[in-house]
Amino acid sequence: MRQAIEITSLQEAEDAIAGENVLLMYLSKENCSVCHALLPKIQDMMEAFPAIKFYQGDVGKIQEIAGQFSIFTVPGLLLYAEGREVLREARFVRVEELNEKLEKINAMYLAE
C-alpha cells in the first residue's frame, strides 16, 4: 500500500503541480465514508505507478483548495501532467477504469 504525500496548504499543492512531471492528487474530507473506503484501493493501485507522484489533501482543513481546484464533492482525484490537469474523477470512482487511464498517461508522459 503506497502512502500519499500529505498536502497541508494550497501553496504546497500548487508547488507540487508546478514541480512534478506527473502527479495524482487525492482530495478528501475527514468525515467522508466514501473517501475512507476508496483511499486504500487507490493506495494499492498506485503501487503499480511509482513514477507518478501521489499526494493527498483534506479539503476540510485546507478550504481554499476546494475553491482553487473546483472541488464540489469528495473524494476528488486530479491527475496533472506537465502542469496541466489531464484527468478528473469525483465521488464514485471506478478503480479499474482509473487504472487503465493511469496506464495510458504513464506510457505517454513517463515512458523511457
PDB file of N, CA and C in Angstrom:
ATOM      1  N   MET A   1       0.853  -1.180   0.000  1.00  0.00           N
ATOM      2  CA  MET A   1       0.000   0.000   0.000  1.00  0.00           C
ATOM      3  C   MET A   1       0.897   1.240   0.000  1.00  0.00           C
ATOM      4  N   ARG A   2       0.751   2.043  -0.999  1.00  0.00           N
ATOM      5  CA  ARG A   2       1.593   3.231  -1.147  1.00  0.00           C
ATOM      6  C   ARG A   2       0.966   4.419  -0.425  1.00  0.00           C
ATOM      7  N   GLN A   3       1.719   5.029   0.452  1.00  0.00           N
ATOM      8  CA  GLN A   3       1.234   6.194   1.187  1.00  0.00           C
ATOM      9  C   GLN A   3       1.396   7.457   0.342  1.00  0.00           C
ATOM     10  N   ALA A   4       0.435   8.337   0.455  1.00  0.00           N
ATOM     11  CA  ALA A   4       0.466   9.602  -0.268  1.00  0.00           C
ATOM     12  C   ALA A   4       1.273  10.623   0.525  1.00  0.00           C
ATOM     13  N   ILE A   5       1.800  11.596  -0.186  1.00  0.00           N
ATOM     14  CA  ILE A   5       2.468  12.730   0.437  1.00  0.00           C
ATOM     15  C   ILE A   5       1.372  13.700   0.874  1.00  0.00           C
ATOM     16  N   GLU A   6       1.369  14.076   2.143  1.00  0.00           N
ATOM     17  CA  GLU A   6       0.312  14.932   2.688  1.00  0.00           C
ATOM     18  C   GLU A   6       0.511  16.382   2.247  1.00  0.00           C
ATOM     19  N   ILE A   7      -0.553  16.974   1.735  1.00  0.00           N
ATOM     20  CA  ILE A   7      -0.569  18.395   1.376  1.00  0.00           C
ATOM     21  C   ILE A   7      -1.224  19.140   2.527  1.00  0.00           C
ATOM     22  N   THR A   8      -0.569  20.196   3.005  1.00  0.00           N
ATOM     23  CA  THR A   8      -1.113  20.934   4.143  1.00  0.00           C
ATOM     24  C   THR A   8      -1.497  22.372   3.803  1.00  0.00           C
ATOM     25  N   SER A   9      -1.263  22.787   2.547  1.00  0.00           N
ATOM     26  CA  SER A   9      -1.638  24.145   2.153  1.00  0.00           C
ATOM     27  C   SER A   9      -1.867  24.210   0.646  1.00  0.00           C
ATOM     28  N   LEU A  10      -2.576  25.237   0.230  1.00  0.00           N
ATOM     29  CA  LEU A  10      -2.798  25.463  -1.194  1.00  0.00           C
ATOM     30  C   LEU A  10      -1.469  25.675  -1.903  1.00  0.00           C
ATOM     31  N   GLN A  11      -0.552  26.387  -1.261  1.00  0.00           N
ATOM     32  CA  GLN A  11       0.755  26.650  -1.867  1.00  0.00           C
ATOM     33  C   GLN A  11       1.518  25.349  -2.122  1.00  0.00           C
ATOM     34  N   GLU A  12       1.458  24.413  -1.186  1.00  0.00           N
ATOM     35  CA  GLU A  12       2.117  23.113  -1.382  1.00  0.00           C
ATOM     36  C   GLU A  12       1.531  22.389  -2.588  1.00  0.00           C
ATOM     37  N   ALA A  13       0.218  22.441  -2.742  1.00  0.00           N
ATOM     38  CA  ALA A  13      -0.430  21.785  -3.879  1.00  0.00           C
ATOM     39  C   ALA A  13       0.013  22.425  -5.186  1.00  0.00           C
ATOM     40  N   GLU A  14       0.021  23.740  -5.227  1.00  0.00           N
ATOM     41  CA  GLU A  14       0.427  24.441  -6.449  1.00  0.00           C
ATOM     42  C   GLU A  14       1.899  24.187  -6.772  1.00  0.00           C
ATOM     43  N   ASP A  15       2.745  24.137  -5.741  1.00  0.00           N
ATOM     44  CA  ASP A  15       4.166  23.849  -5.953  1.00  0.00           C
ATOM     45  C   ASP A  15       4.366  22.435  -6.494  1.00  0.00           C
ATOM     46  N   ALA A  16       3.593  21.488  -5.974  1.00  0.00           N
ATOM     47  CA  ALA A  16       3.691  20.109  -6.447  1.00  0.00           C
ATOM     48  C   ALA A  16       3.296  20.016  -7.922  1.00  0.00           C
ATOM     49  N   ILE A  17       2.224  20.680  -8.283  1.00  0.00           N
ATOM     50  CA  ILE A  17       1.761  20.656  -9.677  1.00  0.00           C
ATOM     51  C   ILE A  17       2.817  21.265 -10.597  1.00  0.00           C
ATOM     52  N   ALA A  18       3.415  22.360 -10.170  1.00  0.00           N
ATOM     53  CA  ALA A  18       4.429  23.028 -10.982  1.00  0.00           C
ATOM     54  C   ALA A  18       5.737  22.240 -11.037  1.00  0.00           C
ATOM     55  N   GLY A  19       6.035  21.501  -9.972  1.00  0.00           N
ATOM     56  CA  GLY A  19       7.332  20.858  -9.878  1.00  0.00           C
ATOM     57  C   GLY A  19       7.415  19.410 -10.318  1.00  0.00           C
ATOM     58  N   GLU A  20       6.293  18.747 -10.439  1.00  0.00           N
ATOM     59  CA  GLU A  20       6.301  17.327 -10.797  1.00  0.00           C
ATOM     60  C   GLU A  20       5.875  17.133 -12.241  1.00  0.00           C
ATOM     61  N   ASN A  21       6.451  16.128 -12.892  1.00  0.00           N
ATOM     62  CA  ASN A  21       6.076  15.828 -14.268  1.00  0.00           C
ATOM     63  C   ASN A  21       4.644  15.292 -14.321  1.00  0.00           C
ATOM     64  N   VAL A  22       4.348  14.276 -13.497  1.00  0.00           N
ATOM     65  CA  VAL A  22       3.002  13.699 -13.433  1.00  0.00           C
ATOM     66  C   VAL A  22       2.673  13.435 -11.963  1.00  0.00           C
ATOM     67  N   LEU A  23       1.474  13.842 -11.549  1.00  0.00           N
ATOM     68  CA  LEU A  23       1.063  13.587 -10.169  1.00  0.00           C
ATOM     69  C   LEU A  23      -0.428  13.360 -10.087  1.00  0.00           C
ATOM     70  N   LEU A  24      -0.802  12.570  -9.079  1.00  0.00           N
ATOM     71  CA  LEU A  24      -2.202  12.320  -8.760  1.00  0.00           C
ATOM     72  C   LEU A  24      -2.469  12.925  -7.397  1.00  0.00           C
ATOM     73  N   MET A  25      -3.492  13.761  -7.328  1.00  0.00           N
ATOM     74  CA  MET A  25      -3.877  14.397  -6.073  1.00  0.00           C
ATOM     75  C   MET A  25      -5.224  13.829  -5.630  1.00  0.00           C
ATOM     76  N   TYR A  26      -5.247  13.300  -4.420  1.00  0.00           N
ATOM     77  CA  TYR A  26      -6.454  12.712  -3.831  1.00  0.00           C
ATOM     78  C   TYR A  26      -6.963  13.698  -2.783  1.00  0.00           C
ATOM     79  N   LEU A  27      -8.122  14.281  -3.033  1.00  0.00           N
ATOM     80  CA  LEU A  27      -8.691  15.274  -2.122  1.00  0.00           C
ATOM     81  C   LEU A  27      -9.912  14.681  -1.441  1.00  0.00           C
ATOM     82  N   SER A  28      -9.934  14.763  -0.122  1.00  0.00           N
ATOM     83  CA  SER A  28     -10.988  14.139   0.659  1.00  0.00           C
ATOM     84  C   SER A  28     -11.353  15.000   1.858  1.00  0.00           C
ATOM     85  N   LYS A  29     -12.277  14.494   2.664  1.00  0.00           N
ATOM     86  CA  LYS A  29     -12.659  15.128   3.931  1.00  0.00           C
ATOM     87  C   LYS A  29     -12.623  14.072   5.019  1.00  0.00           C
ATOM     88  N   GLU A  30     -12.396  14.523   6.228  1.00  0.00           N
ATOM     89  CA  GLU A  30     -12.261  13.614   7.360  1.00  0.00           C
ATOM     90  C   GLU A  30     -13.516  12.779   7.599  1.00  0.00           C
ATOM     91  N   ASN A  31     -14.691  13.377   7.458  1.00  0.00           N
ATOM     92  CA  ASN A  31     -15.936  12.680   7.783  1.00  0.00           C
ATOM     93  C   ASN A  31     -16.616  12.049   6.564  1.00  0.00           C
ATOM     94  N   CYS A  32     -15.879  11.786   5.514  1.00  0.00           N
ATOM     95  CA  CYS A  32     -16.431  11.236   4.269  1.00  0.00           C
ATOM     96  C   CYS A  32     -16.203   9.720   4.226  1.00  0.00           C
ATOM     97  N   SER A  33     -17.279   8.953   4.324  1.00  0.00           N
ATOM     98  CA  SER A  33     -17.140   7.498   4.332  1.00  0.00           C
ATOM     99  C   SER A  33     -16.669   6.961   2.980  1.00  0.00           C
ATOM    100  N   VAL A  34     -17.112   7.576   1.889  1.00  0.00           N
ATOM    101  CA  VAL A  34     -16.656   7.149   0.562  1.00  0.00           C
ATOM    102  C   VAL A  34     -15.159   7.389   0.434  1.00  0.00           C
ATOM    103  N   CYS A  35     -14.685   8.519   0.938  1.00  0.00           N
ATOM    104  CA  CYS A  35     -13.259   8.841   0.892  1.00  0.00           C
ATOM    105  C   CYS A  35     -12.432   7.782   1.604  1.00  0.00           C
ATOM    106  N   HIS A  36     -12.880   7.392   2.781  1.00  0.00           N
ATOM    107  CA  HIS A  36     -12.146   6.411   3.576  1.00  0.00           C
ATOM    108  C   HIS A  36     -12.195   5.019   2.956  1.00  0.00           C
ATOM    109  N   ALA A  37     -13.261   4.690   2.277  1.00  0.00           N
ATOM    110  CA  ALA A  37     -13.375   3.386   1.618  1.00  0.00           C
ATOM    111  C   ALA A  37     -12.536   3.327   0.342  1.00  0.00           C
ATOM    112  N   LEU A  38     -12.450   4.441  -0.378  1.00  0.00           N
ATOM    113  CA  LEU A  38     -11.738   4.468  -1.652  1.00  0.00           C
ATOM    114  C   LEU A  38     -10.227   4.588  -1.487  1.00  0.00           C
ATOM    115  N   LEU A  39      -9.770   5.288  -0.474  1.00  0.00           N
ATOM    116  CA  LEU A  39      -8.333   5.560  -0.336  1.00  0.00           C
ATOM    117  C   LEU A  39      -7.472   4.299  -0.358  1.00  0.00           C
ATOM    118  N   PRO A  40      -7.776   3.245   0.387  1.00  0.00           N
ATOM    119  CA  PRO A  40      -6.918   2.053   0.321  1.00  0.00           C
ATOM    120  C   PRO A  40      -6.849   1.429  -1.074  1.00  0.00           C
ATOM    121  N   LYS A  41      -7.933   1.511  -1.804  1.00  0.00           N
ATOM    122  CA  LYS A  41      -7.937   0.978  -3.175  1.00  0.00           C
ATOM    123  C   LYS A  41      -7.008   1.793  -4.064  1.00  0.00           C
ATOM    124  N   ILE A  42      -7.041   3.115  -3.900  1.00  0.00           N
ATOM    125  CA  ILE A  42      -6.164   3.990  -4.685  1.00  0.00           C
ATOM    126  C   ILE A  42      -4.708   3.769  -4.273  1.00  0.00           C
ATOM    127  N   GLN A  43      -4.470   3.625  -2.980  1.00  0.00           N
ATOM    128  CA  GLN A  43      -3.111   3.376  -2.500  1.00  0.00           C
ATOM    129  C   GLN A  43      -2.554   2.078  -3.082  1.00  0.00           C
ATOM    130  N   ASP A  44      -3.366   1.036  -3.120  1.00  0.00           N
ATOM    131  CA  ASP A  44      -2.935  -0.230  -3.719  1.00  0.00           C
ATOM    132  C   ASP A  44      -2.653  -0.063  -5.205  1.00  0.00           C
ATOM    133  N   MET A  45      -3.527   0.628  -5.901  1.00  0.00           N
ATOM    134  CA  MET A  45      -3.356   0.843  -7.334  1.00  0.00           C
ATOM    135  C   MET A  45      -2.083   1.621  -7.631  1.00  0.00           C
ATOM    136  N   MET A  46      -1.775   2.615  -6.792  1.00  0.00           N
ATOM    137  CA  MET A  46      -0.615   3.471  -7.036  1.00  0.00           C
ATOM    138  C   MET A  46       0.712   2.740  -6.874  1.00  0.00           C
ATOM    139  N   GLU A  47       0.699   1.566  -6.267  1.00  0.00           N
ATOM    140  CA  GLU A  47       1.919   0.738  -6.181  1.00  0.00           C
ATOM    141  C   GLU A  47       2.459   0.441  -7.577  1.00  0.00           C
ATOM    142  N   ALA A  48       1.572   0.310  -8.554  1.00  0.00           N
ATOM    143  CA  ALA A  48       1.965  -0.025  -9.921  1.00  0.00           C
ATOM    144  C   ALA A  48       2.508   1.171 -10.693  1.00  0.00           C
ATOM    145  N   PHE A  49       2.427   2.365 -10.110  1.00  0.00           N
ATOM    146  CA  PHE A  49       2.854   3.581 -10.810  1.00  0.00           C
ATOM    147  C   PHE A  49       3.839   4.387  -9.961  1.00  0.00           C
ATOM    148  N   PRO A  50       5.014   3.852  -9.718  1.00  0.00           N
ATOM    149  CA  PRO A  50       5.964   4.549  -8.840  1.00  0.00           C
ATOM    150  C   PRO A  50       6.452   5.884  -9.404  1.00  0.00           C
ATOM    151  N   ALA A  51       6.397   6.070 -10.713  1.00  0.00           N
ATOM    152  CA  ALA A  51       6.860   7.326 -11.303  1.00  0.00           C
ATOM    153  C   ALA A  51       5.831   8.454 -11.173  1.00  0.00           C
ATOM    154  N   ILE A  52       4.590   8.116 -10.882  1.00  0.00           N
ATOM    155  CA  ILE A  52       3.551   9.127 -10.689  1.00  0.00           C
ATOM    156  C   ILE A  52       3.544   9.513  -9.217  1.00  0.00           C
ATOM    157  N   LYS A  53       3.819  10.774  -8.937  1.00  0.00           N
ATOM    158  CA  LYS A  53       3.809  11.244  -7.555  1.00  0.00           C
ATOM    159  C   LYS A  53       2.375  11.215  -7.045  1.00  0.00           C
ATOM    160  N   PHE A  54       2.210  10.923  -5.768  1.00  0.00           N
ATOM    161  CA  PHE A  54       0.892  10.704  -5.189  1.00  0.00           C
ATOM    162  C   PHE A  54       0.731  11.603  -3.966  1.00  0.00           C
ATOM    163  N   TYR A  55      -0.226  12.518  -4.036  1.00  0.00           N
ATOM    164  CA  TYR A  55      -0.464  13.485  -2.966  1.00  0.00           C
ATOM    165  C   TYR A  55      -1.885  13.344  -2.440  1.00  0.00           C
ATOM    166  N   GLN A  56      -2.058  13.728  -1.182  1.00  0.00           N
ATOM    167  CA  GLN A  56      -3.382  13.694  -0.552  1.00  0.00           C
ATOM    168  C   GLN A  56      -3.580  14.979   0.244  1.00  0.00           C
ATOM    169  N   GLY A  57      -4.787  15.545   0.132  1.00  0.00           N
ATOM    170  CA  GLY A  57      -5.127  16.737   0.898  1.00  0.00           C
ATOM    171  C   GLY A  57      -6.539  16.649   1.446  1.00  0.00           C
ATOM    172  N   ASP A  58      -6.752  17.296   2.577  1.00  0.00           N
ATOM    173  CA  ASP A  58      -8.054  17.326   3.238  1.00  0.00           C
ATOM    174  C   ASP A  58      -8.693  18.688   2.973  1.00  0.00           C
ATOM    175  N   VAL A  59      -9.781  18.702   2.204  1.00  0.00           N
ATOM    176  CA  VAL A  59     -10.429  19.967   1.863  1.00  0.00           C
ATOM    177  C   VAL A  59     -11.136  20.587   3.063  1.00  0.00           C
ATOM    178  N   GLY A  60     -11.349  19.820   4.111  1.00  0.00           N
ATOM    179  CA  GLY A  60     -11.897  20.379   5.346  1.00  0.00           C
ATOM    180  C   GLY A  60     -10.865  21.222   6.080  1.00  0.00           C
ATOM    181  N   LYS A  61      -9.611  20.819   6.003  1.00  0.00           N
ATOM    182  CA  LYS A  61      -8.527  21.545   6.658  1.00  0.00           C
ATOM    183  C   LYS A  61      -7.954  22.651   5.781  1.00  0.00           C
ATOM    184  N   ILE A  62      -7.991  22.446   4.476  1.00  0.00           N
ATOM    185  CA  ILE A  62      -7.467  23.428   3.514  1.00  0.00           C
ATOM    186  C   ILE A  62      -8.633  23.853   2.626  1.00  0.00           C
ATOM    187  N   GLN A  63      -9.494  24.701   3.147  1.00  0.00           N
ATOM    188  CA  GLN A  63     -10.733  25.034   2.440  1.00  0.00           C
ATOM    189  C   GLN A  63     -10.485  25.754   1.117  1.00  0.00           C
ATOM    190  N   GLU A  64      -9.430  26.542   1.020  1.00  0.00           N
ATOM    191  CA  GLU A  64      -9.181  27.268  -0.229  1.00  0.00           C
ATOM    192  C   GLU A  64      -8.794  26.337  -1.368  1.00  0.00           C
ATOM    193  N   ILE A  65      -8.363  25.124  -1.045  1.00  0.00           N
ATOM    194  CA  ILE A  65      -8.001  24.178  -2.096  1.00  0.00           C
ATOM    195  C   ILE A  65      -9.244  23.748  -2.880  1.00  0.00           C
ATOM    196  N   ALA A  66     -10.375  23.630  -2.195  1.00  0.00           N
ATOM    197  CA  ALA A  66     -11.624  23.256  -2.866  1.00  0.00           C
ATOM    198  C   ALA A  66     -12.028  24.314  -3.893  1.00  0.00           C
ATOM    199  N   GLY A  67     -11.914  25.575  -3.523  1.00  0.00           N
ATOM    200  CA  GLY A  67     -12.254  26.650  -4.449  1.00  0.00           C
ATOM    201  C   GLY A  67     -11.279  26.750  -5.604  1.00  0.00           C
ATOM    202  N   GLN A  68      -9.998  26.649  -5.305  1.00  0.00           N
ATOM    203  CA  GLN A  68      -8.963  26.779  -6.341  1.00  0.00           C
ATOM    204  C   GLN A  68      -9.066  25.682  -7.391  1.00  0.00           C
ATOM    205  N   PHE A  69      -9.387  24.469  -6.951  1.00  0.00           N
ATOM    206  CA  PHE A  69      -9.438  23.330  -7.872  1.00  0.00           C
ATOM    207  C   PHE A  69     -10.860  22.910  -8.229  1.00  0.00           C
ATOM    208  N   SER A  70     -11.842  23.729  -7.886  1.00  0.00           N
ATOM    209  CA  SER A  70     -13.249  23.471  -8.212  1.00  0.00           C
ATOM    210  C   SER A  70     -13.697  22.086  -7.755  1.00  0.00           C
ATOM    211  N   ILE A  71     -13.471  21.806  -6.483  1.00  0.00           N
ATOM    212  CA  ILE A  71     -13.887  20.538  -5.887  1.00  0.00           C
ATOM    213  C   ILE A  71     -15.256  20.759  -5.250  1.00  0.00           C
ATOM    214  N   PHE A  72     -16.286  20.144  -5.828  1.00  0.00           N
ATOM    215  CA  PHE A  72     -17.645  20.312  -5.329  1.00  0.00           C
ATOM    216  C   PHE A  72     -18.114  19.098  -4.530  1.00  0.00           C
ATOM    217  N   THR A  73     -17.425  17.974  -4.706  1.00  0.00           N
ATOM    218  CA  THR A  73     -17.731  16.763  -3.959  1.00  0.00           C
ATOM    219  C   THR A  73     -16.434  15.997  -3.740  1.00  0.00           C
ATOM    220  N   VAL A  74     -16.424  15.209  -2.695  1.00  0.00           N
ATOM    221  CA  VAL A  74     -15.240  14.409  -2.405  1.00  0.00           C
ATOM    222  C   VAL A  74     -15.615  12.941  -2.364  1.00  0.00           C
ATOM    223  N   PRO A  75     -14.707  12.048  -2.614  1.00  0.00           N
ATOM    224  CA  PRO A  75     -13.315  12.314  -2.943  1.00  0.00           C
ATOM    225  C   PRO A  75     -13.175  12.852  -4.364  1.00  0.00           C
ATOM    226  N   GLY A  76     -12.143  13.623  -4.536  1.00  0.00           N
ATOM    227  CA  GLY A  76     -11.797  14.150  -5.851  1.00  0.00           C
ATOM    228  C   GLY A  76     -10.386  13.704  -6.197  1.00  0.00           C
ATOM    229  N   LEU A  77     -10.212  13.179  -7.387  1.00  0.00           N
ATOM    230  CA  LEU A  77      -8.889  12.772  -7.853  1.00  0.00           C
ATOM    231  C   LEU A  77      -8.537  13.618  -9.058  1.00  0.00           C
ATOM    232  N   LEU A  78      -7.421  14.297  -8.964  1.00  0.00           N
ATOM    233  CA  LEU A  78      -6.963  15.153 -10.043  1.00  0.00           C
ATOM    234  C   LEU A  78      -5.614  14.654 -10.515  1.00  0.00           C
ATOM    235  N   LEU A  79      -5.489  14.411 -11.799  1.00  0.00           N
ATOM    236  CA  LEU A  79      -4.228  13.966 -12.376  1.00  0.00           C
ATOM    237  C   LEU A  79      -3.660  15.103 -13.207  1.00  0.00           C
ATOM    238  N   TYR A  80      -2.428  15.465 -12.906  1.00  0.00           N
ATOM    239  CA  TYR A  80      -1.741  16.541 -13.618  1.00  0.00           C
ATOM    240  C   TYR A  80      -0.535  15.984 -14.342  1.00  0.00           C
ATOM    241  N   ALA A  81      -0.343  16.427 -15.567  1.00  0.00           N
ATOM    242  CA  ALA A  81       0.830  16.069 -16.356  1.00  0.00           C
ATOM    243  C   ALA A  81       1.414  17.358 -16.915  1.00  0.00           C
ATOM    244  N   GLU A  82       2.674  17.574 -16.619  1.00  0.00           N
ATOM    245  CA  GLU A  82       3.380  18.774 -17.080  1.00  0.00           C
ATOM    246  C   GLU A  82       2.623  20.047 -16.720  1.00  0.00           C
ATOM    247  N   GLY A  83       2.060  20.076 -15.513  1.00  0.00           N
ATOM    248  CA  GLY A  83       1.396  21.262 -15.005  1.00  0.00           C
ATOM    249  C   GLY A  83      -0.045  21.467 -15.441  1.00  0.00           C
ATOM    250  N   ARG A  84      -0.569  20.554 -16.256  1.00  0.00           N
ATOM    251  CA  ARG A  84      -1.942  20.694 -16.745  1.00  0.00           C
ATOM    252  C   ARG A  84      -2.804  19.548 -16.238  1.00  0.00           C
ATOM    253  N   GLU A  85      -4.042  19.861 -15.897  1.00  0.00           N
ATOM    254  CA  GLU A  85      -4.972  18.816 -15.481  1.00  0.00           C
ATOM    255  C   GLU A  85      -5.363  17.991 -16.700  1.00  0.00           C
ATOM    256  N   VAL A  86      -5.168  16.673 -16.590  1.00  0.00           N
ATOM    257  CA  VAL A  86      -5.491  15.789 -17.703  1.00  0.00           C
ATOM    258  C   VAL A  86      -6.598  14.801 -17.361  1.00  0.00           C
ATOM    259  N   LEU A  87      -6.940  14.702 -16.064  1.00  0.00           N
ATOM    260  CA  LEU A  87      -7.981  13.770 -15.655  1.00  0.00           C
ATOM    261  C   LEU A  87      -8.578  14.228 -14.342  1.00  0.00           C
ATOM    262  N   ARG A  88      -9.893  14.092 -14.236  1.00  0.00           N
ATOM    263  CA  ARG A  88     -10.610  14.448 -13.008  1.00  0.00           C
ATOM    264  C   ARG A  88     -11.680  13.394 -12.768  1.00  0.00           C
ATOM    265  N   GLU A  89     -11.657  12.828 -11.584  1.00  0.00           N
ATOM    266  CA  GLU A  89     -12.661  11.862 -11.157  1.00  0.00           C
ATOM    267  C   GLU A  89     -13.198  12.347  -9.813  1.00  0.00           C
ATOM    268  N   ALA A  90     -14.461  12.078  -9.541  1.00  0.00           N
ATOM    269  CA  ALA A  90     -15.034  12.524  -8.273  1.00  0.00           C
ATOM    270  C   ALA A  90     -16.110  11.559  -7.793  1.00  0.00           C
ATOM    271  N   ARG A  91     -16.281  11.547  -6.498  1.00  0.00           N
ATOM    272  CA  ARG A  91     -17.279  10.811  -5.726  1.00  0.00           C
ATOM    273  C   ARG A  91     -17.225   9.300  -5.935  1.00  0.00           C
ATOM    274  N   PHE A  92     -17.855   8.784  -6.970  1.00  0.00           N
ATOM    275  CA  PHE A  92     -17.873   7.349  -7.210  1.00  0.00           C
ATOM    276  C   PHE A  92     -16.886   7.035  -8.323  1.00  0.00           C
ATOM    277  N   VAL A  93     -15.712   6.587  -7.937  1.00  0.00           N
ATOM    278  CA  VAL A  93     -14.616   6.356  -8.872  1.00  0.00           C
ATOM    279  C   VAL A  93     -14.524   4.870  -9.177  1.00  0.00           C
ATOM    280  N   ARG A  94     -14.499   4.534 -10.439  1.00  0.00           N
ATOM    281  CA  ARG A  94     -14.301   3.147 -10.859  1.00  0.00           C
ATOM    282  C   ARG A  94     -12.801   2.904 -10.926  1.00  0.00           C
ATOM    283  N   VAL A  95     -12.297   2.145  -9.984  1.00  0.00           N
ATOM    284  CA  VAL A  95     -10.856   1.952  -9.833  1.00  0.00           C
ATOM    285  C   VAL A  95     -10.249   1.289 -11.068  1.00  0.00           C
ATOM    286  N   GLU A  96     -10.939   0.320 -11.651  1.00  0.00           N
ATOM    287  CA  GLU A  96     -10.410  -0.374 -12.833  1.00  0.00           C
ATOM    288  C   GLU A  96     -10.250   0.596 -14.003  1.00  0.00           C
ATOM    289  N   GLU A  97     -11.240   1.449 -14.207  1.00  0.00           N
ATOM    290  CA  GLU A  97     -11.165   2.432 -15.292  1.00  0.00           C
ATOM    291  C   GLU A  97     -10.072   3.460 -15.017  1.00  0.00           C
ATOM    292  N   LEU A  98      -9.954   3.880 -13.771  1.00  0.00           N
ATOM    293  CA  LEU A  98      -8.901   4.828 -13.401  1.00  0.00           C
ATOM    294  C   LEU A  98      -7.537   4.199 -13.643  1.00  0.00           C
ATOM    295  N   ASN A  99      -7.381   2.934 -13.313  1.00  0.00           N
ATOM    296  CA  ASN A  99      -6.121   2.234 -13.539  1.00  0.00           C
ATOM    297  C   ASN A  99      -5.752   2.228 -15.024  1.00  0.00           C
ATOM    298  N   GLU A 100      -6.719   1.956 -15.891  1.00  0.00           N
ATOM    299  CA  GLU A 100      -6.471   1.965 -17.335  1.00  0.00           C
ATOM    300  C   GLU A 100      -6.036   3.350 -17.809  1.00  0.00           C
ATOM    301  N   LYS A 101      -6.680   4.379 -17.304  1.00  0.00           N
ATOM    302  CA  LYS A 101      -6.327   5.747 -17.691  1.00  0.00           C
ATOM    303  C   LYS A 101      -4.917   6.091 -17.207  1.00  0.00           C
ATOM    304  N   LEU A 102      -4.581   5.663 -15.998  1.00  0.00           N
ATOM    305  CA  LEU A 102      -3.237   5.927 -15.474  1.00  0.00           C
ATOM    306  C   LEU A 102      -2.174   5.198 -16.292  1.00  0.00           C
ATOM    307  N   GLU A 103      -2.486   3.994 -16.749  1.00  0.00           N
ATOM    308  CA  GLU A 103      -1.546   3.260 -17.598  1.00  0.00           C
ATOM    309  C   GLU A 103      -1.251   4.037 -18.874  1.00  0.00           C
ATOM    310  N   LYS A 104      -2.285   4.609 -19.474  1.00  0.00           N
ATOM    311  CA  LYS A 104      -2.096   5.394 -20.694  1.00  0.00           C
ATOM    312  C   LYS A 104      -1.276   6.655 -20.429  1.00  0.00           C
ATOM    313  N   ILE A 105      -1.609   7.366 -19.354  1.00  0.00           N
ATOM    314  CA  ILE A 105      -0.872   8.580 -19.003  1.00  0.00           C
ATOM    315  C   ILE A 105       0.578   8.232 -18.684  1.00  0.00           C
ATOM    316  N   ASN A 106       0.770   7.163 -17.949  1.00  0.00           N
ATOM    317  CA  ASN A 106       2.116   6.720 -17.592  1.00  0.00           C
ATOM    318  C   ASN A 106       2.939   6.444 -18.860  1.00  0.00           C
ATOM    319  N   ALA A 107       2.330   5.777 -19.833  1.00  0.00           N
ATOM    320  CA  ALA A 107       3.023   5.468 -21.086  1.00  0.00           C
ATOM    321  C   ALA A 107       3.310   6.733 -21.900  1.00  0.00           C
ATOM    322  N   MET A 108       2.385   7.675 -21.888  1.00  0.00           N
ATOM    323  CA  MET A 108       2.557   8.902 -22.670  1.00  0.00           C
ATOM    324  C   MET A 108       3.622   9.830 -22.101  1.00  0.00           C
ATOM    325  N   TYR A 109       3.590  10.028 -20.795  1.00  0.00           N
ATOM    326  CA  TYR A 109       4.429  11.053 -20.178  1.00  0.00           C
ATOM    327  C   TYR A 109       5.687  10.528 -19.498  1.00  0.00           C
ATOM    328  N   LEU A 110       5.686   9.248 -19.134  1.00  0.00           N
ATOM    329  CA  LEU A 110       6.808   8.749 -18.343  1.00  0.00           C
ATOM    330  C   LEU A 110       7.561   7.604 -18.982  1.00  0.00           C
ATOM    331  N   ALA A 111       7.185   7.218 -20.199  1.00  0.00           N
ATOM    332  CA  ALA A 111       7.883   6.132 -20.872  1.00  0.00           C
ATOM    333  C   ALA A 111       9.301   6.566 -21.244  1.00  0.00           C
ATOM    334  N   GLU A 112      10.219   5.650 -21.120  1.00  0.00           N
ATOM    335  CA  GLU A 112      11.613   5.976 -21.435  1.00  0.00           C
ATOM    336  C   GLU A 112      11.951   5.616 -22.843  1.00  0.00           C
TER     337      GLU A 112
END
